[in-house]
């Protein structure tokens, strides 16, 4: 039996769903899973079908591609048309700008290279005299690798490597959601991958100042159900705290080395 199988056990999932049902006793709550990976996991596992009536689990803004604005793609395409090499993750190819996409531009002759990491883009820069621009999208999960690559480019004196930054921070996005009077959120299922980097502290203001419970969860069905249980328990008990349901990967302080890299290279604007 694989270690991960324990977090996919159907019988345990049904028992935990029953515990959630007994806990809320017909009360209505609307929880948001912030991360797109949570949304995919819930869909694939059929998790929503286990939840009691009255408990809504709604998708949040945590897909890095989905939150990349048209203006960013327009700027990238303009750079590509000027003759630079664009290096990007494959899922950005079909994202539309105002009038075109990277895939369409590539069919017209633009040099758009799919890479699997920022270091791949740096190696590409070493192999050409042209300027290579890496399209840096995503949240705190991907930012440390980009930061490390920028520092490595400086260490190696590679001067034809550039980064077009569109990184986003998750906690401020969650704060904006709470400021929308048309959006009801009774608790946040916080993203596991992001929280591995930033820890639990950045969510504290959401709980303490806004009164919204937060639970950091992994991506297996039982991870998510445990997080939902913690959120429901906080609501029933009248608490608003940040709890970790993903302790095998997340520490309260996060990954301090990764956070230092982000702080050294990036500036929040």
Protein backbone atom coordinates (compact mmCIF):
# COMPACT_ATOMS: atom_id res chain seq x y z
CA UNK A 1 0.00 0.00 0.00
CA UNK A 2 1.33 3.43 -0.96
CA UNK A 3 1.59 6.12 1.70
CA UNK A 4 -0.78 8.36 -0.26
CA UNK A 5 -3.47 5.65 -0.43
CA UNK A 6 -4.39 6.36 3.18
CA UNK A 7 -5.58 9.82 2.11
CA UNK A 8 -7.81 8.37 -0.63
CA UNK A 9 -9.66 5.77 1.45
CA UNK A 10 -13.34 5.82 0.50
CA UNK A 11 -14.61 4.40 3.79
CA UNK A 12 -12.70 6.98 5.81
CA UNK A 13 -13.95 9.72 3.51
CA UNK A 14 -17.57 8.71 4.09
CA UNK A 15 -17.02 8.59 7.86
CA UNK A 16 -15.48 12.04 7.83
CA UNK A 17 -18.32 13.38 5.67
CA UNK A 18 -20.78 11.91 8.20
CA UNK A 19 -18.89 13.65 11.01
CA UNK A 20 -19.22 16.95 9.14
CA UNK A 21 -22.96 16.36 8.70
CA UNK A 22 -23.39 15.62 12.40
CA UNK A 23 -21.35 18.67 13.30
CA UNK A 24 -23.25 21.28 11.31
CA UNK A 25 -26.73 19.88 12.08
CA UNK A 26 -28.42 21.45 9.08
CA UNK A 27 -26.70 24.83 9.31
CA UNK A 28 -25.74 26.48 6.02
CA UNK A 29 -22.14 27.41 5.29
CA UNK A 30 -20.33 28.56 2.17
CA UNK A 31 -16.64 27.65 2.10
CA UNK A 32 -14.22 28.55 -0.67
CA UNK A 33 -11.36 26.39 -1.89
CA UNK A 34 -8.82 28.98 -2.97
CA UNK A 35 -6.57 26.74 -5.05
CA UNK A 36 -7.37 25.46 -8.52
CA UNK A 37 -5.80 22.12 -7.64
CA UNK A 38 -8.38 21.74 -4.87
CA UNK A 39 -11.11 22.39 -7.42
CA UNK A 40 -9.74 19.71 -9.75
CA UNK A 41 -9.33 17.23 -6.89
CA UNK A 42 -12.90 17.81 -5.68
CA UNK A 43 -14.20 17.24 -9.20
CA UNK A 44 -12.19 14.10 -9.86
CA UNK A 45 -12.95 12.49 -6.52
CA UNK A 46 -16.63 13.41 -6.41
CA UNK A 47 -16.01 15.05 -3.05
CA UNK A 48 -18.91 17.48 -3.32
CA UNK A 49 -21.36 14.58 -3.49
CA UNK A 50 -20.27 13.59 0.03
CA UNK A 51 -20.94 16.98 1.58
CA UNK A 52 -24.16 17.52 3.52
CA UNK A 53 -26.96 19.64 2.14
CA UNK A 54 -26.44 23.25 3.11
CA UNK A 55 -22.65 23.13 2.90
CA UNK A 56 -21.42 24.79 -0.27
CA UNK A 57 -17.84 24.42 -1.50
CA UNK A 58 -17.18 27.06 -4.12
CA UNK A 59 -14.10 27.51 -6.34
CA UNK A 60 -11.79 30.44 -5.80
CA UNK A 61 -9.25 32.46 -7.80
CA UNK A 62 -6.28 30.13 -7.42
CA UNK A 63 -5.55 29.26 -11.06
CA UNK A 64 -2.45 31.26 -12.11
CA UNK A 65 -3.33 31.11 -15.79
CA UNK A 66 -6.91 32.27 -15.19
CA UNK A 67 -5.82 35.36 -13.24
CA UNK A 68 -3.21 36.47 -15.78
CA UNK A 69 -4.58 39.66 -17.36
CA UNK A 70 -4.81 40.32 -21.09
CA UNK A 71 -2.41 43.23 -20.71
CA UNK A 72 0.35 40.88 -19.57
CA UNK A 73 -0.09 38.67 -22.65
CA UNK A 74 -0.20 41.76 -24.86
CA UNK A 75 3.10 42.93 -23.42
CA UNK A 76 4.68 39.49 -23.85
CA UNK A 77 3.52 39.33 -27.47
CA UNK A 78 4.89 42.82 -28.11
CA UNK A 79 8.25 41.71 -26.75
CA UNK A 80 8.16 38.62 -28.93
CA UNK A 81 7.44 40.71 -32.01
CA UNK A 82 10.47 42.86 -31.18
CA UNK A 83 12.71 39.83 -31.70
CA UNK A 84 13.31 38.38 -28.24
CA UNK A 85 12.83 34.70 -27.44
CA UNK A 86 9.86 34.06 -25.15
CA UNK A 87 10.22 31.14 -22.72
CA UNK A 88 6.99 29.99 -21.11
CA UNK A 89 5.19 27.12 -19.45
CA UNK A 90 3.00 25.22 -21.88
CA UNK A 91 -0.30 26.14 -20.24
CA UNK A 92 0.23 29.78 -21.23
CA UNK A 93 0.27 29.09 -24.97
CA UNK A 94 -3.48 29.26 -25.53
CA UNK A 95 -4.26 32.05 -23.07
CA UNK A 96 -5.71 34.90 -25.14
CA UNK A 97 -4.45 38.44 -25.08
CA UNK A 98 -6.51 41.28 -26.49
CA UNK A 99 -6.10 40.13 -30.08
CA UNK A 100 -3.77 37.13 -30.20
CA UNK A 101 -2.13 34.36 -28.20
CA UNK A 102 1.36 32.93 -27.86
CA UNK A 103 0.33 29.85 -29.82
CA UNK A 104 -1.04 31.92 -32.69
CA UNK A 105 2.07 34.08 -32.73
CA UNK A 106 4.30 31.02 -32.76
CA UNK A 107 2.54 29.72 -35.88
CA UNK A 108 3.36 33.09 -37.46
CA UNK A 109 7.05 32.69 -36.74
CA UNK A 110 7.53 34.17 -33.29
CA UNK A 111 10.14 32.35 -31.23
CA UNK A 112 8.14 30.93 -28.33
CA UNK A 113 9.89 28.14 -26.44
CA UNK A 114 8.05 25.90 -23.98
CA UNK A 115 10.12 25.20 -20.86
CA UNK A 116 9.48 23.21 -17.72
CA UNK A 117 11.34 25.44 -15.27
CA UNK A 118 12.95 28.88 -15.09
CA UNK A 119 16.35 27.17 -15.20
CA UNK A 120 15.42 25.75 -18.61
CA UNK A 121 14.91 29.33 -19.77
CA UNK A 122 18.28 30.32 -18.34
CA UNK A 123 19.98 27.46 -20.20
CA UNK A 124 18.23 28.64 -23.35
CA UNK A 125 19.76 32.08 -22.84
CA UNK A 126 23.20 30.51 -22.60
CA UNK A 127 22.71 28.88 -26.00
CA UNK A 128 21.75 32.02 -27.95
CA UNK A 129 22.85 35.61 -28.39
CA UNK A 130 19.24 36.77 -28.45
CA UNK A 131 17.51 38.06 -25.33
CA UNK A 132 15.42 35.38 -23.64
CA UNK A 133 12.40 36.57 -21.65
CA UNK A 134 10.86 34.10 -19.20
CA UNK A 135 7.15 34.60 -18.53
CA UNK A 136 6.91 34.32 -14.74
CA UNK A 137 3.31 33.64 -13.73
CA UNK A 138 1.80 31.97 -10.70
CA UNK A 139 1.57 32.49 -6.99
CA UNK A 140 4.04 32.09 -4.13
CA UNK A 141 4.58 28.46 -5.14
CA UNK A 142 6.53 29.26 -8.30
CA UNK A 143 8.13 32.54 -7.23
CA UNK A 144 11.08 31.01 -5.28
CA UNK A 145 12.33 29.08 -8.33
CA UNK A 146 12.14 32.22 -10.44
CA UNK A 147 13.97 34.20 -7.77
CA UNK A 148 16.70 31.56 -7.52
CA UNK A 149 17.11 31.61 -11.31
CA UNK A 150 17.47 35.40 -11.36
CA UNK A 151 20.22 35.16 -8.75
CA UNK A 152 21.89 32.36 -10.69
CA UNK A 153 21.84 34.44 -13.87
CA UNK A 154 23.57 37.24 -12.00
CA UNK A 155 26.13 34.84 -10.54
CA UNK A 156 26.98 33.48 -14.00
CA UNK A 157 26.96 36.95 -15.60
CA UNK A 158 24.30 35.93 -18.12
CA UNK A 159 23.11 39.29 -19.43
CA UNK A 160 20.60 38.20 -22.08
CA UNK A 161 18.14 36.68 -19.60
CA UNK A 162 15.08 38.65 -18.53
CA UNK A 163 11.91 37.92 -16.57
CA UNK A 164 8.47 39.38 -17.26
CA UNK A 165 6.80 39.11 -13.87
CA UNK A 166 3.11 38.45 -13.26
CA UNK A 167 3.36 36.71 -9.89
CA UNK A 168 0.42 37.15 -7.54
CA UNK A 169 0.06 36.88 -3.77
CA UNK A 170 -2.73 34.67 -2.44
CA UNK A 171 -3.62 36.33 0.92
CA UNK A 172 -4.30 39.78 -0.61
CA UNK A 173 -6.54 38.16 -3.23
CA UNK A 174 -8.48 36.48 -0.43
CA UNK A 175 -8.80 39.83 1.33
CA UNK A 176 -10.29 41.41 -1.80
CA UNK A 177 -12.89 38.64 -1.99
CA UNK A 178 -13.98 39.39 1.57
CA UNK A 179 -14.48 43.06 0.67
CA UNK A 180 -17.05 42.15 -2.00
CA UNK A 181 -20.53 42.46 -0.42
CA UNK A 182 -21.98 40.09 -3.02
CA UNK A 183 -19.66 37.22 -2.09
CA UNK A 184 -20.47 35.17 0.99
CA UNK A 185 -17.50 33.29 2.40
CA UNK A 186 -17.82 31.53 5.76
CA UNK A 187 -14.39 29.95 5.62
CA UNK A 188 -11.34 29.52 3.41
CA UNK A 189 -9.83 26.17 2.45
CA UNK A 190 -6.31 27.51 1.99
CA UNK A 191 -3.96 26.14 -0.69
CA UNK A 192 -1.45 23.50 0.36
CA UNK A 193 1.30 24.26 -2.17
CA UNK A 194 1.34 27.99 -1.48
CA UNK A 195 1.25 27.36 2.27
CA UNK A 196 4.30 25.10 2.06
CA UNK A 197 6.14 28.29 1.08
CA UNK A 198 4.44 31.01 3.14
CA UNK A 199 3.26 28.99 6.15
CA UNK A 200 0.13 29.83 8.12
CA UNK A 201 0.99 33.30 9.45
CA UNK A 202 -0.05 35.35 6.36
CA UNK A 203 -3.64 34.15 6.78
CA UNK A 204 -3.94 35.32 10.38
CA UNK A 205 -5.36 38.74 9.54
CA UNK A 206 -8.17 37.07 7.58
CA UNK A 207 -9.14 35.12 10.67
CA UNK A 208 -8.38 37.64 13.41
CA UNK A 209 -9.39 40.90 11.70
CA UNK A 210 -12.11 39.64 9.35
CA UNK A 211 -13.47 36.81 11.49
CA UNK A 212 -13.21 34.22 8.72
CA UNK A 213 -11.93 30.72 9.62
CA UNK A 214 -9.04 29.34 7.57
CA UNK A 215 -7.84 25.76 7.20
CA UNK A 216 -4.79 24.76 5.15
CA UNK A 217 -5.42 21.49 3.35
CA UNK A 218 -3.60 19.10 1.06
CA UNK A 219 -5.06 17.85 -2.19
CA UNK A 220 -6.21 14.31 -1.51
CA UNK A 221 -9.91 13.77 -0.69
CA UNK A 222 -9.28 13.13 3.00
CA UNK A 223 -7.01 16.18 3.21
CA UNK A 224 -9.79 18.35 1.89
CA UNK A 225 -12.48 16.76 4.04
CA UNK A 226 -10.36 17.26 7.13
CA UNK A 227 -9.93 20.92 6.21
CA UNK A 228 -13.68 21.28 5.67
CA UNK A 229 -14.31 19.62 9.04
CA UNK A 230 -11.97 22.10 10.76
CA UNK A 231 -13.75 25.03 9.09
CA UNK A 232 -17.17 23.71 10.08
CA UNK A 233 -16.03 23.14 13.66
CA UNK A 234 -14.74 26.69 13.92
CA UNK A 235 -18.03 28.08 12.64
CA UNK A 236 -20.09 25.94 15.01
CA UNK A 237 -17.88 26.90 17.96
CA UNK A 238 -17.83 30.58 17.03
CA UNK A 239 -14.08 30.71 16.42
CA UNK A 240 -11.99 32.18 13.61
CA UNK A 241 -8.45 30.81 13.50
CA UNK A 242 -5.90 29.42 11.07
CA UNK A 243 -5.57 25.65 11.38
CA UNK A 244 -3.30 23.29 9.46
CA UNK A 245 -4.80 20.08 8.11
CA UNK A 246 -1.69 19.39 6.01
CA UNK A 247 0.95 19.02 8.69
CA UNK A 248 2.96 16.49 6.72
CA UNK A 249 3.99 19.34 4.42
CA UNK A 250 3.16 22.72 6.00
CA UNK A 251 4.84 24.39 8.95
CA UNK A 252 3.57 27.61 10.55
CA UNK A 253 6.70 29.48 9.44
CA UNK A 254 6.63 28.01 5.94
CA UNK A 255 9.83 27.48 3.97
CA UNK A 256 12.07 30.21 5.32
CA UNK A 257 14.72 29.79 2.62
CA UNK A 258 12.13 30.14 -0.15
CA UNK A 259 10.65 33.19 1.54
CA UNK A 260 14.08 34.81 1.79
CA UNK A 261 14.61 34.27 -1.94
CA UNK A 262 11.29 35.95 -2.72
CA UNK A 263 12.09 38.90 -0.44
CA UNK A 264 15.56 39.32 -1.94
CA UNK A 265 14.47 39.41 -5.57
CA UNK A 266 10.88 40.68 -5.71
CA UNK A 267 9.14 43.84 -4.59
CA UNK A 268 5.42 43.85 -3.84
CA UNK A 269 3.60 46.49 -5.88
